[in-house]
Amino acid sequence: MQPRMDNPALSVPGALEALQGLSQAAGEAARKAGVPETTIDLVSLRASQINGCAVCLDMHSRAAIRRGISPEQLATLAAWRDAPYFDEAERAVLALTEAGTRLADRADAVPDELYEAAAKYYDDQGIAAIVTSIAAINAWNRLNVITGQVAGEWTARWAS
């Protein structure tokens, strides 16, 4: 397997730093707002599943395992609605992640009830961090998928 080209984040001056900065800012804001790191891991993994980004799935599953995400959650994430391993806050965030990743799938892309479900568990700062995390992982997914980036052991150095 070969990528179509070098990752644009590495080729466009300043892009890597900007994208890493966005991801880091979202992560720091989530921590400060009390959003568990494993919840942000679930956001990254679920969006990456939807977008078919093997690089991000590889990288974020490594990080999630290190942070203590359960094997059951990792194994059933694609079917989270039917698995008993997710609490109500995680379910609300996963629903928001799916809607925010699949914006074109329905006229009312992110219905009020999905947003309000997540807002039951997190304040505006927490929701802002979650939404920024959704946006950041979708940007990374698009760069990797469009250019055919290939997952592998090299991702271990980026999994934090």
C-alpha atoms as a PDB file:
ATOM      1  CA  MET A   1       0.000   0.000   0.000  1.00  0.00           C
ATOM      2  CA  GLN A   2       1.234   3.435  -0.908  1.00  0.00           C
ATOM      3  CA  PRO A   3      -0.302   6.832  -0.186  1.00  0.00           C
ATOM      4  CA  ARG A   4      -1.287   8.959  -3.167  1.00  0.00           C
ATOM      5  CA  MET A   5       0.970  11.722  -1.890  1.00  0.00           C
ATOM      6  CA  ASP A   6       2.628  12.951   1.272  1.00  0.00           C
ATOM      7  CA  ASN A   7       0.103  14.047   3.836  1.00  0.00           C
ATOM      8  CA  PRO A   8      -0.823  17.687   3.129  1.00  0.00           C
ATOM      9  CA  ALA A   9      -0.417  18.438   6.838  1.00  0.00           C
ATOM     10  CA  LEU A  10       3.284  17.710   6.319  1.00  0.00           C
ATOM     11  CA  SER A  11       3.542  19.454   2.944  1.00  0.00           C
ATOM     12  CA  VAL A  12       1.670  22.718   3.496  1.00  0.00           C
ATOM     13  CA  PRO A  13       3.764  25.073   5.624  1.00  0.00           C
ATOM     14  CA  GLY A  14       2.152  25.605   9.013  1.00  0.00           C
ATOM     15  CA  ALA A  15      -0.662  23.090   8.473  1.00  0.00           C
ATOM     16  CA  LEU A  16       0.662  20.426  10.835  1.00  0.00           C
ATOM     17  CA  GLU A  17       1.194  22.926  13.626  1.00  0.00           C
ATOM     18  CA  ALA A  18      -2.247  24.442  13.085  1.00  0.00           C
ATOM     19  CA  LEU A  19      -4.034  21.080  13.085  1.00  0.00           C
ATOM     20  CA  GLN A  20      -2.076  19.826  16.078  1.00  0.00           C
ATOM     21  CA  GLY A  21      -2.816  23.093  17.843  1.00  0.00           C
ATOM     22  CA  LEU A  22      -6.546  22.691  17.202  1.00  0.00           C
ATOM     23  CA  SER A  23      -6.522  19.103  18.465  1.00  0.00           C
ATOM     24  CA  GLN A  24      -4.466  20.003  21.524  1.00  0.00           C
ATOM     25  CA  ALA A  25      -6.644  23.035  22.332  1.00  0.00           C
ATOM     26  CA  ALA A  26      -9.776  20.887  22.111  1.00  0.00           C
ATOM     27  CA  GLY A  27      -8.221  18.229  24.355  1.00  0.00           C
ATOM     28  CA  GLU A  28      -7.082  20.755  26.946  1.00  0.00           C
ATOM     29  CA  ALA A  29     -10.488  22.469  26.932  1.00  0.00           C
ATOM     30  CA  ALA A  30     -12.177  19.087  27.378  1.00  0.00           C
ATOM     31  CA  ARG A  31      -9.993  18.261  30.383  1.00  0.00           C
ATOM     32  CA  LYS A  32     -10.682  21.644  31.978  1.00  0.00           C
ATOM     33  CA  ALA A  33     -14.422  21.211  31.383  1.00  0.00           C
ATOM     34  CA  GLY A  34     -14.472  17.748  32.928  1.00  0.00           C
ATOM     35  CA  VAL A  35     -15.010  15.784  29.726  1.00  0.00           C
ATOM     36  CA  PRO A  36     -13.243  12.440  30.223  1.00  0.00           C
ATOM     37  CA  GLU A  37     -10.312  11.779  27.898  1.00  0.00           C
ATOM     38  CA  THR A  38     -11.903   8.453  27.028  1.00  0.00           C
ATOM     39  CA  THR A  39     -15.003  10.308  25.799  1.00  0.00           C
ATOM     40  CA  ILE A  40     -12.833  12.353  23.430  1.00  0.00           C
ATOM     41  CA  ASP A  41     -11.191   9.066  22.374  1.00  0.00           C
ATOM     42  CA  LEU A  42     -14.666   7.714  21.543  1.00  0.00           C
ATOM     43  CA  VAL A  43     -15.352  10.864  19.473  1.00  0.00           C
ATOM     44  CA  SER A  44     -12.127  10.374  17.506  1.00  0.00           C
ATOM     45  CA  LEU A  45     -12.697   6.681  16.981  1.00  0.00           C
ATOM     46  CA  ARG A  46     -16.360   6.927  15.965  1.00  0.00           C
ATOM     47  CA  ALA A  47     -15.810   9.748  13.473  1.00  0.00           C
ATOM     48  CA  SER A  48     -12.826   7.848  12.056  1.00  0.00           C
ATOM     49  CA  GLN A  49     -14.948   4.695  11.687  1.00  0.00           C
ATOM     50  CA  ILE A  50     -17.602   6.638   9.787  1.00  0.00           C
ATOM     51  CA  ASN A  51     -15.003   8.296   7.557  1.00  0.00           C
ATOM     52  CA  GLY A  52     -12.988   5.114   7.021  1.00  0.00           C
ATOM     53  CA  CYS A  53      -9.726   6.619   8.263  1.00  0.00           C
ATOM     54  CA  ALA A  54      -7.418   3.710   9.105  1.00  0.00           C
ATOM     55  CA  VAL A  55      -4.617   6.041  10.195  1.00  0.00           C
ATOM     56  CA  CYS A  56      -6.765   7.757  12.827  1.00  0.00           C
ATOM     57  CA  LEU A  57      -8.374   4.488  13.923  1.00  0.00           C
ATOM     58  CA  ASP A  58      -4.925   3.005  14.462  1.00  0.00           C
ATOM     59  CA  MET A  59      -3.591   6.052  16.271  1.00  0.00           C
ATOM     60  CA  HIS A  60      -6.614   6.782  18.455  1.00  0.00           C
ATOM     61  CA  SER A  61      -7.270   3.164  19.407  1.00  0.00           C
ATOM     62  CA  ARG A  62      -3.688   2.967  20.702  1.00  0.00           C
ATOM     63  CA  ALA A  63      -4.220   6.130  22.753  1.00  0.00           C
ATOM     64  CA  ALA A  64      -7.627   4.978  24.016  1.00  0.00           C
ATOM     65  CA  ILE A  65      -6.226   1.652  25.184  1.00  0.00           C
ATOM     66  CA  ARG A  66      -3.443   3.440  27.077  1.00  0.00           C
ATOM     67  CA  ARG A  67      -6.036   5.674  28.748  1.00  0.00           C
ATOM     68  CA  GLY A  68      -8.091   2.704  29.871  1.00  0.00           C
ATOM     69  CA  ILE A  69     -10.967   2.454  27.402  1.00  0.00           C
ATOM     70  CA  SER A  70     -12.483  -0.972  27.870  1.00  0.00           C
ATOM     71  CA  PRO A  71     -11.954  -3.722  25.305  1.00  0.00           C
ATOM     72  CA  GLU A  72     -15.756  -4.049  25.147  1.00  0.00           C
ATOM     73  CA  GLN A  73     -16.181  -0.392  24.223  1.00  0.00           C
ATOM     74  CA  LEU A  74     -13.475  -0.615  21.593  1.00  0.00           C
ATOM     75  CA  ALA A  75     -14.975  -3.784  20.115  1.00  0.00           C
ATOM     76  CA  THR A  76     -18.576  -2.519  19.997  1.00  0.00           C
ATOM     77  CA  LEU A  77     -18.160   1.170  19.227  1.00  0.00           C
ATOM     78  CA  ALA A  78     -19.608   0.887  15.717  1.00  0.00           C
ATOM     79  CA  ALA A  79     -22.767  -0.568  17.292  1.00  0.00           C
ATOM     80  CA  TRP A  80     -22.834   1.610  20.425  1.00  0.00           C
ATOM     81  CA  ARG A  81     -26.621   1.973  20.367  1.00  0.00           C
ATOM     82  CA  ASP A  82     -26.998  -1.771  20.913  1.00  0.00           C
ATOM     83  CA  ALA A  83     -24.119  -2.320  23.344  1.00  0.00           C
ATOM     84  CA  PRO A  84     -24.414  -1.974  27.128  1.00  0.00           C
ATOM     85  CA  TYR A  85     -20.869  -0.631  27.562  1.00  0.00           C
ATOM     86  CA  PHE A  86     -21.576   3.082  27.132  1.00  0.00           C
ATOM     87  CA  ASP A  87     -23.095   5.403  29.713  1.00  0.00           C
ATOM     88  CA  GLU A  88     -25.730   8.002  28.863  1.00  0.00           C
ATOM     89  CA  ALA A  89     -23.222  10.856  28.594  1.00  0.00           C
ATOM     90  CA  GLU A  90     -21.086   8.835  26.163  1.00  0.00           C
ATOM     91  CA  ARG A  91     -24.172   7.930  24.144  1.00  0.00           C
ATOM     92  CA  ALA A  92     -25.180  11.582  23.875  1.00  0.00           C
ATOM     93  CA  VAL A  93     -21.680  12.546  22.710  1.00  0.00           C
ATOM     94  CA  LEU A  94     -21.547   9.659  20.226  1.00  0.00           C
ATOM     95  CA  ALA A  95     -24.891  10.720  18.730  1.00  0.00           C
ATOM     96  CA  LEU A  96     -23.590  14.295  18.416  1.00  0.00           C
ATOM     97  CA  THR A  97     -20.367  12.994  16.851  1.00  0.00           C
ATOM     98  CA  GLU A  98     -22.261  10.983  14.256  1.00  0.00           C
ATOM     99  CA  ALA A  99     -24.516  13.914  13.365  1.00  0.00           C
ATOM    100  CA  GLY A 100     -21.576  16.317  13.199  1.00  0.00           C
ATOM    101  CA  THR A 101     -19.649  13.922  10.983  1.00  0.00           C
ATOM    102  CA  ARG A 102     -22.561  13.148   8.635  1.00  0.00           C
ATOM    103  CA  LEU A 103     -23.761  16.711   8.080  1.00  0.00           C
ATOM    104  CA  ALA A 104     -25.140  16.080   4.600  1.00  0.00           C
ATOM    105  CA  ASP A 105     -27.217  13.041   5.567  1.00  0.00           C
ATOM    106  CA  ARG A 106     -30.301  14.964   6.632  1.00  0.00           C
ATOM    107  CA  ALA A 107     -31.841  18.407   6.268  1.00  0.00           C
ATOM    108  CA  ASP A 108     -31.649  19.107  10.002  1.00  0.00           C
ATOM    109  CA  ALA A 109     -28.051  17.966  10.306  1.00  0.00           C
ATOM    110  CA  VAL A 110     -27.776  18.322  14.087  1.00  0.00           C
ATOM    111  CA  PRO A 111     -31.255  18.361  15.595  1.00  0.00           C
ATOM    112  CA  ASP A 112     -31.798  20.319  18.788  1.00  0.00           C
ATOM    113  CA  GLU A 113     -32.550  17.143  20.723  1.00  0.00           C
ATOM    114  CA  LEU A 114     -29.091  15.696  19.949  1.00  0.00           C
ATOM    115  CA  TYR A 115     -27.369  18.875  21.065  1.00  0.00           C
ATOM    116  CA  GLU A 116     -29.564  19.170  24.158  1.00  0.00           C
ATOM    117  CA  ALA A 117     -28.905  15.534  25.097  1.00  0.00           C
ATOM    118  CA  ALA A 118     -25.168  16.239  25.271  1.00  0.00           C
ATOM    119  CA  ALA A 119     -25.809  19.545  27.063  1.00  0.00           C
ATOM    120  CA  LYS A 120     -27.494  17.596  29.882  1.00  0.00           C
ATOM    121  CA  TYR A 121     -24.059  16.271  30.806  1.00  0.00           C
ATOM    122  CA  TYR A 122     -21.686  19.094  29.871  1.00  0.00           C
ATOM    123  CA  ASP A 123     -21.733  22.861  30.167  1.00  0.00           C
ATOM    124  CA  ASP A 124     -21.037  25.238  27.268  1.00  0.00           C
ATOM    125  CA  GLN A 125     -17.276  24.851  27.696  1.00  0.00           C
ATOM    126  CA  GLY A 126     -17.548  21.071  27.613  1.00  0.00           C
ATOM    127  CA  ILE A 127     -19.800  21.117  24.556  1.00  0.00           C
ATOM    128  CA  ALA A 128     -17.458  23.588  22.848  1.00  0.00           C
ATOM    129  CA  ALA A 129     -14.531  21.226  23.477  1.00  0.00           C
ATOM    130  CA  ILE A 130     -16.512  18.236  22.182  1.00  0.00           C
ATOM    131  CA  VAL A 131     -17.640  20.105  19.045  1.00  0.00           C
ATOM    132  CA  THR A 132     -14.079  21.290  18.403  1.00  0.00           C
ATOM    133  CA  SER A 133     -12.849  17.709  18.843  1.00  0.00           C
ATOM    134  CA  ILE A 134     -15.437  16.524  16.304  1.00  0.00           C
ATOM    135  CA  ALA A 135     -14.304  19.189  13.834  1.00  0.00           C
ATOM    136  CA  ALA A 136     -10.614  18.434  14.371  1.00  0.00           C
ATOM    137  CA  ILE A 137     -10.883  14.673  13.870  1.00  0.00           C
ATOM    138  CA  ASN A 138     -12.994  15.177  10.765  1.00  0.00           C
ATOM    139  CA  ALA A 139     -10.294  17.457   9.322  1.00  0.00           C
ATOM    140  CA  TRP A 140      -7.608  14.857  10.033  1.00  0.00           C
ATOM    141  CA  ASN A 141      -9.800  12.084   8.568  1.00  0.00           C
ATOM    142  CA  ARG A 142     -10.340  14.002   5.357  1.00  0.00           C
ATOM    143  CA  LEU A 143      -6.654  14.733   4.852  1.00  0.00           C
ATOM    144  CA  ASN A 144      -5.747  11.086   5.419  1.00  0.00           C
ATOM    145  CA  VAL A 145      -8.553   9.482   3.418  1.00  0.00           C
ATOM    146  CA  ILE A 146      -8.408  11.799   0.398  1.00  0.00           C
ATOM    147  CA  THR A 147      -4.661  11.297   0.042  1.00  0.00           C
ATOM    148  CA  GLY A 148      -4.750   7.564   0.801  1.00  0.00           C
ATOM    149  CA  GLN A 149      -2.539   7.631   3.893  1.00  0.00           C
ATOM    150  CA  VAL A 150      -1.647   4.182   5.172  1.00  0.00           C
ATOM    151  CA  ALA A 151      -1.866   3.089   8.799  1.00  0.00           C
ATOM    152  CA  GLY A 152       0.998   1.262  10.438  1.00  0.00           C
ATOM    153  CA  GLU A 153       3.427   1.146  13.309  1.00  0.00           C
ATOM    154  CA  TRP A 154       4.557   4.697  12.542  1.00  0.00           C
ATOM    155  CA  THR A 155       1.277   5.956  14.060  1.00  0.00           C
ATOM    156  CA  ALA A 156       2.374   4.795  17.517  1.00  0.00           C
ATOM    157  CA  ARG A 157       4.630   7.836  17.885  1.00  0.00           C
ATOM    158  CA  TRP A 158       1.664  10.188  17.366  1.00  0.00           C
ATOM    159  CA  ALA A 159      -0.784   8.363  19.646  1.00  0.00           C
ATOM    160  CA  SER A 160      -0.976  10.492  22.753  1.00  0.00           C
END
